[in-house]
């Protein structure tokens, strides 16, 4: 009797298919994990900026901004915007005015609007101009996040305005 040593073509193909499927699952998981890390890094930047800007505002009674207002309100999903934002009050944060700040994103050269953090003059909400895009687990659609998602209460400031 002749004894065949080795593997058959069918077992080789099945093994390769299983390896390819496992690699695709691992690559998808790693890709989404990296995007979530980027989102967490942007959230860390926003928290750092909130703290530094609060100190700056208390000290100088103004925001560390540069340039003219930017049309940001109409460029992103309305659900991500603080309802207390003034539509025409978005400014580039001048990072050079803040002391001891290290960020994951945005350049220190505040002239580059495409890679900058913005602040709304009225609500002091901070946004990252580029945003971070990740897949939503529920819908599997890509969603771009520009700031930390919070449940903002809409405040009517007219009752606090002094009568002239």
N, C-alpha and C. Protein backbone atom coordinates (compact mmCIF):
# COMPACT_ATOMS: atom_id res chain seq x y z
N UNK A 1 0.83 -1.18 0.00
CA UNK A 1 0.00 0.00 0.00
C UNK A 1 0.87 1.24 0.00
N UNK A 2 0.39 2.22 -0.75
CA UNK A 2 1.12 3.47 -0.85
C UNK A 2 0.52 4.48 0.12
N UNK A 3 1.35 5.10 0.90
CA UNK A 3 0.89 6.07 1.88
C UNK A 3 1.17 7.48 1.35
N UNK A 4 0.10 8.32 1.22
CA UNK A 4 0.27 9.69 0.73
C UNK A 4 0.56 10.61 1.90
N UNK A 5 1.65 11.31 1.80
CA UNK A 5 1.98 12.32 2.81
C UNK A 5 1.71 13.69 2.21
N UNK A 6 1.24 14.61 3.02
CA UNK A 6 0.98 15.96 2.55
C UNK A 6 -0.47 16.35 2.76
N UNK A 7 -0.80 17.52 2.19
CA UNK A 7 -2.16 18.03 2.37
C UNK A 7 -2.85 18.07 1.02
N UNK A 8 -4.14 17.99 1.06
CA UNK A 8 -4.90 18.04 -0.19
C UNK A 8 -5.14 19.49 -0.57
N UNK A 9 -5.48 19.68 -1.81
CA UNK A 9 -5.75 21.03 -2.32
C UNK A 9 -6.96 21.64 -1.62
N UNK A 10 -7.96 20.87 -1.31
CA UNK A 10 -9.16 21.37 -0.64
C UNK A 10 -8.83 21.87 0.76
N UNK A 11 -8.06 21.12 1.51
CA UNK A 11 -7.72 21.57 2.86
C UNK A 11 -6.84 22.81 2.82
N UNK A 12 -6.01 22.95 1.80
CA UNK A 12 -5.18 24.15 1.66
C UNK A 12 -6.05 25.38 1.37
N UNK A 13 -7.01 25.27 0.47
CA UNK A 13 -7.90 26.38 0.12
C UNK A 13 -8.75 26.77 1.33
N UNK A 14 -9.29 25.80 2.04
CA UNK A 14 -10.11 26.09 3.22
C UNK A 14 -9.28 26.81 4.28
N UNK A 15 -8.06 26.38 4.48
CA UNK A 15 -7.17 27.03 5.46
C UNK A 15 -6.88 28.47 5.07
N UNK A 16 -6.62 28.71 3.80
CA UNK A 16 -6.33 30.08 3.33
C UNK A 16 -7.56 30.97 3.50
N UNK A 17 -8.74 30.45 3.19
CA UNK A 17 -9.97 31.24 3.35
C UNK A 17 -10.18 31.60 4.82
N UNK A 18 -9.97 30.68 5.71
CA UNK A 18 -10.13 30.95 7.15
C UNK A 18 -9.13 32.01 7.61
N UNK A 19 -7.90 31.92 7.15
CA UNK A 19 -6.88 32.91 7.52
C UNK A 19 -7.26 34.29 7.00
N UNK A 20 -7.75 34.38 5.77
CA UNK A 20 -8.15 35.68 5.19
C UNK A 20 -9.30 36.29 5.99
N UNK A 21 -10.28 35.49 6.37
CA UNK A 21 -11.42 36.00 7.14
C UNK A 21 -10.94 36.52 8.51
N UNK A 22 -10.09 35.77 9.16
CA UNK A 22 -9.56 36.20 10.47
C UNK A 22 -8.77 37.49 10.33
N UNK A 23 -7.95 37.60 9.29
CA UNK A 23 -7.17 38.83 9.08
C UNK A 23 -8.07 40.03 8.83
N UNK A 24 -9.16 39.87 8.08
CA UNK A 24 -10.07 40.98 7.83
C UNK A 24 -10.74 41.45 9.11
N UNK A 25 -11.14 40.52 9.96
CA UNK A 25 -11.77 40.89 11.23
C UNK A 25 -10.77 41.64 12.11
N UNK A 26 -9.55 41.16 12.18
CA UNK A 26 -8.52 41.81 13.00
C UNK A 26 -8.20 43.20 12.45
N UNK A 27 -8.08 43.34 11.14
CA UNK A 27 -7.76 44.65 10.55
C UNK A 27 -8.89 45.65 10.76
N UNK A 28 -10.14 45.22 10.63
CA UNK A 28 -11.28 46.11 10.87
C UNK A 28 -11.30 46.56 12.32
N UNK A 29 -11.08 45.63 13.22
CA UNK A 29 -11.09 45.95 14.64
C UNK A 29 -9.96 46.92 14.99
N UNK A 30 -8.78 46.70 14.44
CA UNK A 30 -7.63 47.57 14.71
C UNK A 30 -7.87 48.96 14.13
N UNK A 31 -8.45 49.02 12.94
CA UNK A 31 -8.71 50.31 12.30
C UNK A 31 -9.69 51.13 13.11
N UNK A 32 -10.78 50.53 13.56
CA UNK A 32 -11.77 51.24 14.35
C UNK A 32 -11.20 51.63 15.72
N UNK A 33 -10.36 50.78 16.27
CA UNK A 33 -9.72 51.08 17.56
C UNK A 33 -8.82 52.30 17.44
N UNK A 34 -8.07 52.42 16.34
CA UNK A 34 -7.22 53.59 16.13
C UNK A 34 -8.04 54.86 16.00
N UNK A 35 -9.18 54.76 15.33
CA UNK A 35 -10.04 55.94 15.18
C UNK A 35 -10.63 56.36 16.52
N UNK A 36 -10.98 55.40 17.35
CA UNK A 36 -11.50 55.73 18.68
C UNK A 36 -10.40 56.37 19.52
N UNK A 37 -9.15 55.92 19.37
CA UNK A 37 -8.04 56.55 20.08
C UNK A 37 -7.88 58.00 19.62
N UNK A 38 -8.04 58.25 18.32
CA UNK A 38 -7.96 59.62 17.81
C UNK A 38 -9.07 60.49 18.40
N UNK A 39 -10.28 59.93 18.49
CA UNK A 39 -11.40 60.68 19.07
C UNK A 39 -11.12 61.00 20.54
N UNK A 40 -10.59 60.05 21.28
CA UNK A 40 -10.25 60.28 22.68
C UNK A 40 -9.15 61.33 22.82
N UNK A 41 -8.20 61.35 21.88
CA UNK A 41 -7.14 62.37 21.91
C UNK A 41 -7.73 63.75 21.65
N UNK A 42 -8.70 63.85 20.73
CA UNK A 42 -9.35 65.14 20.48
C UNK A 42 -10.13 65.59 21.72
N UNK A 43 -10.81 64.65 22.38
CA UNK A 43 -11.54 64.99 23.61
C UNK A 43 -10.58 65.50 24.68
N UNK A 44 -9.41 64.89 24.78
CA UNK A 44 -8.41 65.35 25.75
C UNK A 44 -7.96 66.76 25.41
N UNK A 45 -7.77 67.04 24.11
CA UNK A 45 -7.41 68.40 23.69
C UNK A 45 -8.48 69.41 24.08
N UNK A 46 -9.74 69.06 23.84
CA UNK A 46 -10.84 69.98 24.15
C UNK A 46 -10.88 70.26 25.65
N UNK A 47 -10.72 69.22 26.46
CA UNK A 47 -10.72 69.42 27.93
C UNK A 47 -9.55 70.32 28.35
N UNK A 48 -8.37 70.08 27.78
CA UNK A 48 -7.21 70.92 28.10
C UNK A 48 -7.48 72.36 27.71
N UNK A 49 -8.02 72.57 26.52
CA UNK A 49 -8.32 73.92 26.07
C UNK A 49 -9.38 74.58 26.94
N UNK A 50 -10.39 73.84 27.34
CA UNK A 50 -11.42 74.41 28.22
C UNK A 50 -10.80 74.94 29.51
N UNK A 51 -9.90 74.16 30.09
CA UNK A 51 -9.25 74.58 31.35
C UNK A 51 -8.37 75.79 31.12
N UNK A 52 -7.51 75.74 30.09
CA UNK A 52 -6.58 76.85 29.83
C UNK A 52 -7.30 78.13 29.45
N UNK A 53 -8.36 78.00 28.67
CA UNK A 53 -9.11 79.19 28.24
C UNK A 53 -9.88 79.79 29.40
N UNK A 54 -10.40 78.96 30.30
CA UNK A 54 -11.09 79.49 31.49
C UNK A 54 -10.14 80.32 32.33
N UNK A 55 -8.93 79.83 32.53
CA UNK A 55 -7.92 80.57 33.30
C UNK A 55 -7.56 81.86 32.57
N UNK A 56 -7.34 81.77 31.25
CA UNK A 56 -6.99 82.94 30.44
C UNK A 56 -8.10 83.98 30.51
N UNK A 57 -9.35 83.54 30.41
CA UNK A 57 -10.49 84.46 30.42
C UNK A 57 -10.63 85.16 31.78
N UNK A 58 -10.42 84.42 32.86
CA UNK A 58 -10.47 85.02 34.19
C UNK A 58 -9.36 86.06 34.38
N UNK A 59 -8.21 85.77 33.80
CA UNK A 59 -7.06 86.65 33.98
C UNK A 59 -7.15 87.91 33.11
N UNK A 60 -7.57 87.76 31.83
CA UNK A 60 -7.53 88.88 30.89
C UNK A 60 -8.92 89.39 30.47
N UNK A 61 -9.98 88.71 30.88
CA UNK A 61 -11.34 89.09 30.54
C UNK A 61 -11.57 89.15 29.03
N UNK A 62 -10.95 88.26 28.30
CA UNK A 62 -11.14 88.12 26.85
C UNK A 62 -10.72 86.71 26.44
N UNK A 63 -11.11 86.33 25.25
CA UNK A 63 -10.75 85.01 24.74
C UNK A 63 -9.43 85.08 23.96
N UNK A 64 -8.64 84.01 23.95
CA UNK A 64 -7.39 84.00 23.18
C UNK A 64 -7.67 83.63 21.71
N UNK A 65 -8.22 84.58 20.97
CA UNK A 65 -8.63 84.32 19.58
C UNK A 65 -7.83 85.19 18.63
N UNK A 66 -7.91 84.81 17.36
CA UNK A 66 -7.23 85.57 16.34
C UNK A 66 -8.11 85.65 15.10
N UNK A 67 -7.94 86.70 14.34
CA UNK A 67 -8.63 86.83 13.06
C UNK A 67 -10.09 87.20 13.16
N UNK A 68 -10.75 87.04 12.04
CA UNK A 68 -12.17 87.37 11.91
C UNK A 68 -13.03 86.14 12.19
N UNK A 69 -14.32 86.36 12.43
CA UNK A 69 -15.21 85.20 12.65
C UNK A 69 -15.21 84.26 11.44
N UNK A 70 -15.42 82.98 11.73
CA UNK A 70 -15.41 81.95 10.70
C UNK A 70 -16.81 81.36 10.57
N UNK A 71 -17.22 81.07 9.34
CA UNK A 71 -18.52 80.45 9.11
C UNK A 71 -18.40 78.95 9.39
N UNK A 72 -18.67 78.56 10.60
CA UNK A 72 -18.57 77.16 11.01
C UNK A 72 -19.93 76.57 11.29
N UNK A 73 -20.88 77.40 11.67
CA UNK A 73 -22.21 76.96 12.11
C UNK A 73 -22.92 76.12 11.05
N UNK A 74 -22.81 76.52 9.80
CA UNK A 74 -23.54 75.84 8.73
C UNK A 74 -22.74 74.70 8.09
N UNK A 75 -21.55 74.42 8.58
CA UNK A 75 -20.72 73.40 7.95
C UNK A 75 -20.81 72.05 8.65
N UNK A 76 -21.39 71.98 9.85
CA UNK A 76 -21.47 70.70 10.56
C UNK A 76 -22.92 70.39 10.92
N UNK A 77 -23.13 69.17 11.36
CA UNK A 77 -24.45 68.70 11.76
C UNK A 77 -24.94 69.54 12.94
N UNK A 78 -26.14 70.07 12.80
CA UNK A 78 -26.71 70.96 13.83
C UNK A 78 -26.82 70.27 15.18
N UNK A 79 -26.92 68.94 15.20
CA UNK A 79 -27.04 68.21 16.46
C UNK A 79 -25.76 68.24 17.28
N UNK A 80 -24.64 68.58 16.65
CA UNK A 80 -23.37 68.61 17.36
C UNK A 80 -23.03 70.00 17.89
N UNK A 81 -23.85 70.96 17.58
CA UNK A 81 -23.57 72.34 17.99
C UNK A 81 -24.31 72.66 19.28
N UNK A 82 -23.63 73.39 20.15
CA UNK A 82 -24.26 73.87 21.37
C UNK A 82 -25.37 74.85 20.95
N UNK A 83 -26.61 74.64 21.39
CA UNK A 83 -27.69 75.55 20.98
C UNK A 83 -27.50 76.98 21.48
N UNK A 84 -26.58 77.20 22.39
CA UNK A 84 -26.32 78.54 22.92
C UNK A 84 -25.25 79.28 22.11
N UNK A 85 -24.71 78.63 21.07
CA UNK A 85 -23.71 79.28 20.22
C UNK A 85 -24.34 80.43 19.44
N UNK A 86 -23.57 81.48 19.25
CA UNK A 86 -23.99 82.52 18.32
C UNK A 86 -23.51 82.07 16.94
N UNK A 87 -24.37 82.19 15.93
CA UNK A 87 -24.07 81.65 14.61
C UNK A 87 -22.83 82.26 13.98
N UNK A 88 -22.57 83.49 14.24
CA UNK A 88 -21.44 84.16 13.59
C UNK A 88 -20.30 84.44 14.56
N UNK A 89 -20.22 83.69 15.65
CA UNK A 89 -19.22 83.98 16.67
C UNK A 89 -18.15 82.92 16.84
N UNK A 90 -17.74 82.24 15.76
CA UNK A 90 -16.69 81.22 15.85
C UNK A 90 -15.36 81.84 15.45
N UNK A 91 -14.36 81.65 16.32
CA UNK A 91 -13.03 82.21 16.07
C UNK A 91 -11.97 81.12 16.25
N UNK A 92 -10.86 81.30 15.55
CA UNK A 92 -9.72 80.40 15.72
C UNK A 92 -9.06 80.73 17.06
N UNK A 93 -8.77 79.69 17.85
CA UNK A 93 -8.08 79.88 19.12
C UNK A 93 -6.60 80.10 18.82
N UNK A 94 -6.07 81.18 19.32
CA UNK A 94 -4.64 81.48 19.15
C UNK A 94 -3.88 80.75 20.25
N UNK A 95 -3.34 79.60 19.91
CA UNK A 95 -2.65 78.76 20.89
C UNK A 95 -1.39 79.41 21.43
N UNK A 96 -0.85 80.38 20.70
CA UNK A 96 0.37 81.06 21.16
C UNK A 96 0.11 81.90 22.40
N UNK A 97 -1.15 82.27 22.64
CA UNK A 97 -1.48 83.08 23.82
C UNK A 97 -1.66 82.24 25.09
N UNK A 98 -1.76 80.92 24.92
CA UNK A 98 -1.95 80.03 26.07
C UNK A 98 -0.62 79.47 26.50
N UNK A 99 -0.36 79.49 27.79
CA UNK A 99 0.93 79.05 28.32
C UNK A 99 0.91 77.56 28.66
N UNK A 100 2.02 76.90 28.38
CA UNK A 100 2.21 75.52 28.78
C UNK A 100 1.16 74.56 28.25
N UNK A 101 0.88 74.65 26.97
CA UNK A 101 -0.16 73.80 26.40
C UNK A 101 0.45 72.83 25.38
N UNK A 102 0.05 71.57 25.50
CA UNK A 102 0.47 70.55 24.55
C UNK A 102 -0.78 69.84 24.06
N UNK A 103 -0.97 69.83 22.75
CA UNK A 103 -2.17 69.24 22.17
C UNK A 103 -1.79 68.11 21.21
N UNK A 104 -2.74 67.22 20.98
CA UNK A 104 -2.56 66.14 20.03
C UNK A 104 -2.80 66.60 18.60
N UNK A 105 -3.72 67.53 18.44
CA UNK A 105 -4.09 68.04 17.12
C UNK A 105 -3.98 69.55 17.11
N UNK A 106 -4.08 70.09 15.95
CA UNK A 106 -4.01 71.54 15.70
C UNK A 106 -2.59 72.05 15.81
N UNK A 107 -2.27 72.89 14.88
CA UNK A 107 -0.94 73.48 14.84
C UNK A 107 -0.90 74.72 15.72
N UNK A 108 0.27 75.04 16.20
CA UNK A 108 0.38 76.25 17.02
C UNK A 108 0.29 77.50 16.17
N UNK A 109 0.52 77.37 14.86
CA UNK A 109 0.37 78.50 13.96
C UNK A 109 -1.12 78.71 13.72
N UNK A 110 -1.69 79.69 14.33
CA UNK A 110 -3.14 79.90 14.29
C UNK A 110 -3.63 80.42 12.95
N UNK A 111 -2.73 80.69 12.03
CA UNK A 111 -3.15 81.16 10.71
C UNK A 111 -3.72 80.02 9.88
N UNK A 112 -3.43 78.78 10.21
CA UNK A 112 -3.89 77.62 9.46
C UNK A 112 -5.26 77.20 9.97
N UNK A 113 -6.31 77.73 9.36
CA UNK A 113 -7.67 77.49 9.81
C UNK A 113 -8.07 76.03 9.62
N UNK A 114 -7.53 75.37 8.62
CA UNK A 114 -7.92 74.00 8.33
C UNK A 114 -7.48 73.02 9.42
N UNK A 115 -6.52 73.39 10.23
CA UNK A 115 -6.07 72.53 11.32
C UNK A 115 -6.02 73.36 12.60
N UNK A 116 -7.21 73.74 13.05
CA UNK A 116 -7.27 74.63 14.21
C UNK A 116 -8.45 74.25 15.10
N UNK A 117 -8.36 74.69 16.33
CA UNK A 117 -9.49 74.61 17.25
C UNK A 117 -10.22 75.94 17.20
N UNK A 118 -11.54 75.87 17.23
CA UNK A 118 -12.37 77.07 17.21
C UNK A 118 -13.10 77.18 18.54
N UNK A 119 -13.46 78.41 18.88
CA UNK A 119 -14.26 78.63 20.08
C UNK A 119 -15.41 79.56 19.71
N UNK A 120 -16.57 79.30 20.29
CA UNK A 120 -17.69 80.18 20.07
C UNK A 120 -17.63 81.28 21.12
N UNK A 121 -17.71 82.49 20.65
CA UNK A 121 -17.55 83.66 21.51
C UNK A 121 -18.62 83.75 22.60
N UNK A 122 -19.82 83.28 22.31
CA UNK A 122 -20.91 83.40 23.28
C UNK A 122 -20.92 82.24 24.29
N UNK A 123 -20.81 81.00 23.80
CA UNK A 123 -20.95 79.84 24.70
C UNK A 123 -19.61 79.31 25.20
N UNK A 124 -18.52 79.72 24.57
CA UNK A 124 -17.16 79.24 24.88
C UNK A 124 -17.01 77.74 24.61
N UNK A 125 -17.85 77.20 23.73
CA UNK A 125 -17.73 75.80 23.32
C UNK A 125 -16.59 75.70 22.32
N UNK A 126 -15.77 74.65 22.48
CA UNK A 126 -14.60 74.46 21.63
C UNK A 126 -14.87 73.35 20.62
N UNK A 127 -14.46 73.59 19.37
CA UNK A 127 -14.64 72.64 18.27
C UNK A 127 -13.30 72.45 17.55
N UNK A 128 -13.10 71.23 17.05
CA UNK A 128 -11.94 70.96 16.19
C UNK A 128 -12.41 71.05 14.75
N UNK A 129 -11.81 71.95 13.97
CA UNK A 129 -12.28 72.26 12.62
C UNK A 129 -12.36 71.01 11.73
N UNK A 130 -11.34 70.18 11.74
CA UNK A 130 -11.32 68.99 10.88
C UNK A 130 -12.28 67.92 11.38
N UNK A 131 -12.40 67.79 12.67
CA UNK A 131 -13.22 66.73 13.24
C UNK A 131 -12.53 65.38 13.14
N UNK A 132 -13.06 64.40 13.84
CA UNK A 132 -12.56 63.04 13.82
C UNK A 132 -13.70 62.15 13.34
N UNK A 133 -13.45 61.38 12.28
CA UNK A 133 -14.48 60.53 11.69
C UNK A 133 -14.28 59.08 12.11
N UNK A 134 -15.34 58.50 12.65
CA UNK A 134 -15.33 57.08 13.01
C UNK A 134 -16.65 56.46 12.60
N UNK A 135 -16.69 55.13 12.57
CA UNK A 135 -17.93 54.42 12.24
C UNK A 135 -18.79 54.30 13.49
N UNK A 136 -20.07 54.62 13.34
CA UNK A 136 -21.02 54.46 14.43
C UNK A 136 -21.36 52.98 14.53
N UNK A 137 -21.20 52.40 15.72
CA UNK A 137 -21.45 50.97 15.90
C UNK A 137 -22.90 50.59 15.62
N UNK A 138 -23.83 51.45 15.94
CA UNK A 138 -25.24 51.13 15.76
C UNK A 138 -25.66 51.10 14.30
N UNK A 139 -25.26 52.10 13.53
CA UNK A 139 -25.70 52.21 12.14
C UNK A 139 -24.64 51.81 11.14
N UNK A 140 -23.39 51.70 11.58
CA UNK A 140 -22.24 51.40 10.71
C UNK A 140 -21.97 52.52 9.71
N UNK A 141 -22.57 53.70 9.94
CA UNK A 141 -22.29 54.88 9.11
C UNK A 141 -21.13 55.65 9.72
N UNK A 142 -20.42 56.38 8.88
CA UNK A 142 -19.33 57.22 9.40
C UNK A 142 -19.91 58.50 9.97
N UNK A 143 -19.43 58.87 11.15
CA UNK A 143 -19.87 60.09 11.83
C UNK A 143 -18.63 60.91 12.16
N UNK A 144 -18.69 62.21 11.91
CA UNK A 144 -17.58 63.10 12.24
C UNK A 144 -17.92 63.86 13.51
N UNK A 145 -17.01 63.79 14.48
CA UNK A 145 -17.19 64.48 15.75
C UNK A 145 -16.27 65.69 15.79
N UNK A 146 -16.80 66.82 16.25
CA UNK A 146 -16.05 68.06 16.28
C UNK A 146 -15.76 68.53 17.71
N UNK A 147 -16.46 67.99 18.66
CA UNK A 147 -16.28 68.39 20.05
C UNK A 147 -16.77 67.26 20.95
N UNK A 148 -16.71 67.45 22.23
CA UNK A 148 -17.23 66.47 23.17
C UNK A 148 -18.75 66.57 23.14
N UNK A 149 -19.41 65.45 22.90
CA UNK A 149 -20.87 65.46 22.85
C UNK A 149 -21.44 65.61 24.26
N UNK A 150 -22.24 66.63 24.44
CA UNK A 150 -22.86 66.90 25.73
C UNK A 150 -24.33 67.23 25.50
N UNK A 151 -25.12 67.09 26.53
CA UNK A 151 -26.52 67.51 26.47
C UNK A 151 -26.61 68.94 26.97
N UNK A 152 -26.61 69.86 26.04
CA UNK A 152 -26.66 71.27 26.39
C UNK A 152 -28.10 71.71 26.64
N UNK A 153 -28.28 72.55 27.63
CA UNK A 153 -29.59 73.17 27.86
C UNK A 153 -29.59 74.50 27.14
N UNK A 154 -30.65 74.75 26.40
CA UNK A 154 -30.76 76.01 25.68
C UNK A 154 -31.15 77.09 26.68
N UNK A 155 -30.32 78.10 26.80
CA UNK A 155 -30.53 79.17 27.78
C UNK A 155 -30.99 80.43 27.05
N UNK A 156 -32.07 81.02 27.52
CA UNK A 156 -32.56 82.25 26.96
C UNK A 156 -31.88 83.41 27.68
N UNK A 157 -30.93 84.04 26.98
CA UNK A 157 -30.15 85.12 27.60
C UNK A 157 -30.89 86.45 27.63
N UNK A 158 -32.02 86.54 26.92
CA UNK A 158 -32.72 87.82 26.86
C UNK A 158 -33.22 88.27 28.23
N UNK A 159 -33.54 87.32 29.09
CA UNK A 159 -34.02 87.71 30.43
C UNK A 159 -32.89 88.24 31.30
N UNK A 160 -31.64 88.00 30.91
CA UNK A 160 -30.50 88.49 31.69
C UNK A 160 -29.94 89.79 31.15
N UNK A 161 -30.46 90.24 30.00
CA UNK A 161 -29.97 91.47 29.40
C UNK A 161 -30.57 92.67 30.13
N UNK A 162 -29.76 93.63 30.50
CA UNK A 162 -30.32 94.83 31.16
C UNK A 162 -31.11 95.66 30.17
N UNK A 163 -32.16 96.25 30.63
CA UNK A 163 -32.97 97.12 29.78
C UNK A 163 -32.25 98.44 29.61
N UNK A 164 -32.28 98.93 28.38
CA UNK A 164 -31.60 100.20 28.10
C UNK A 164 -32.55 101.35 28.15
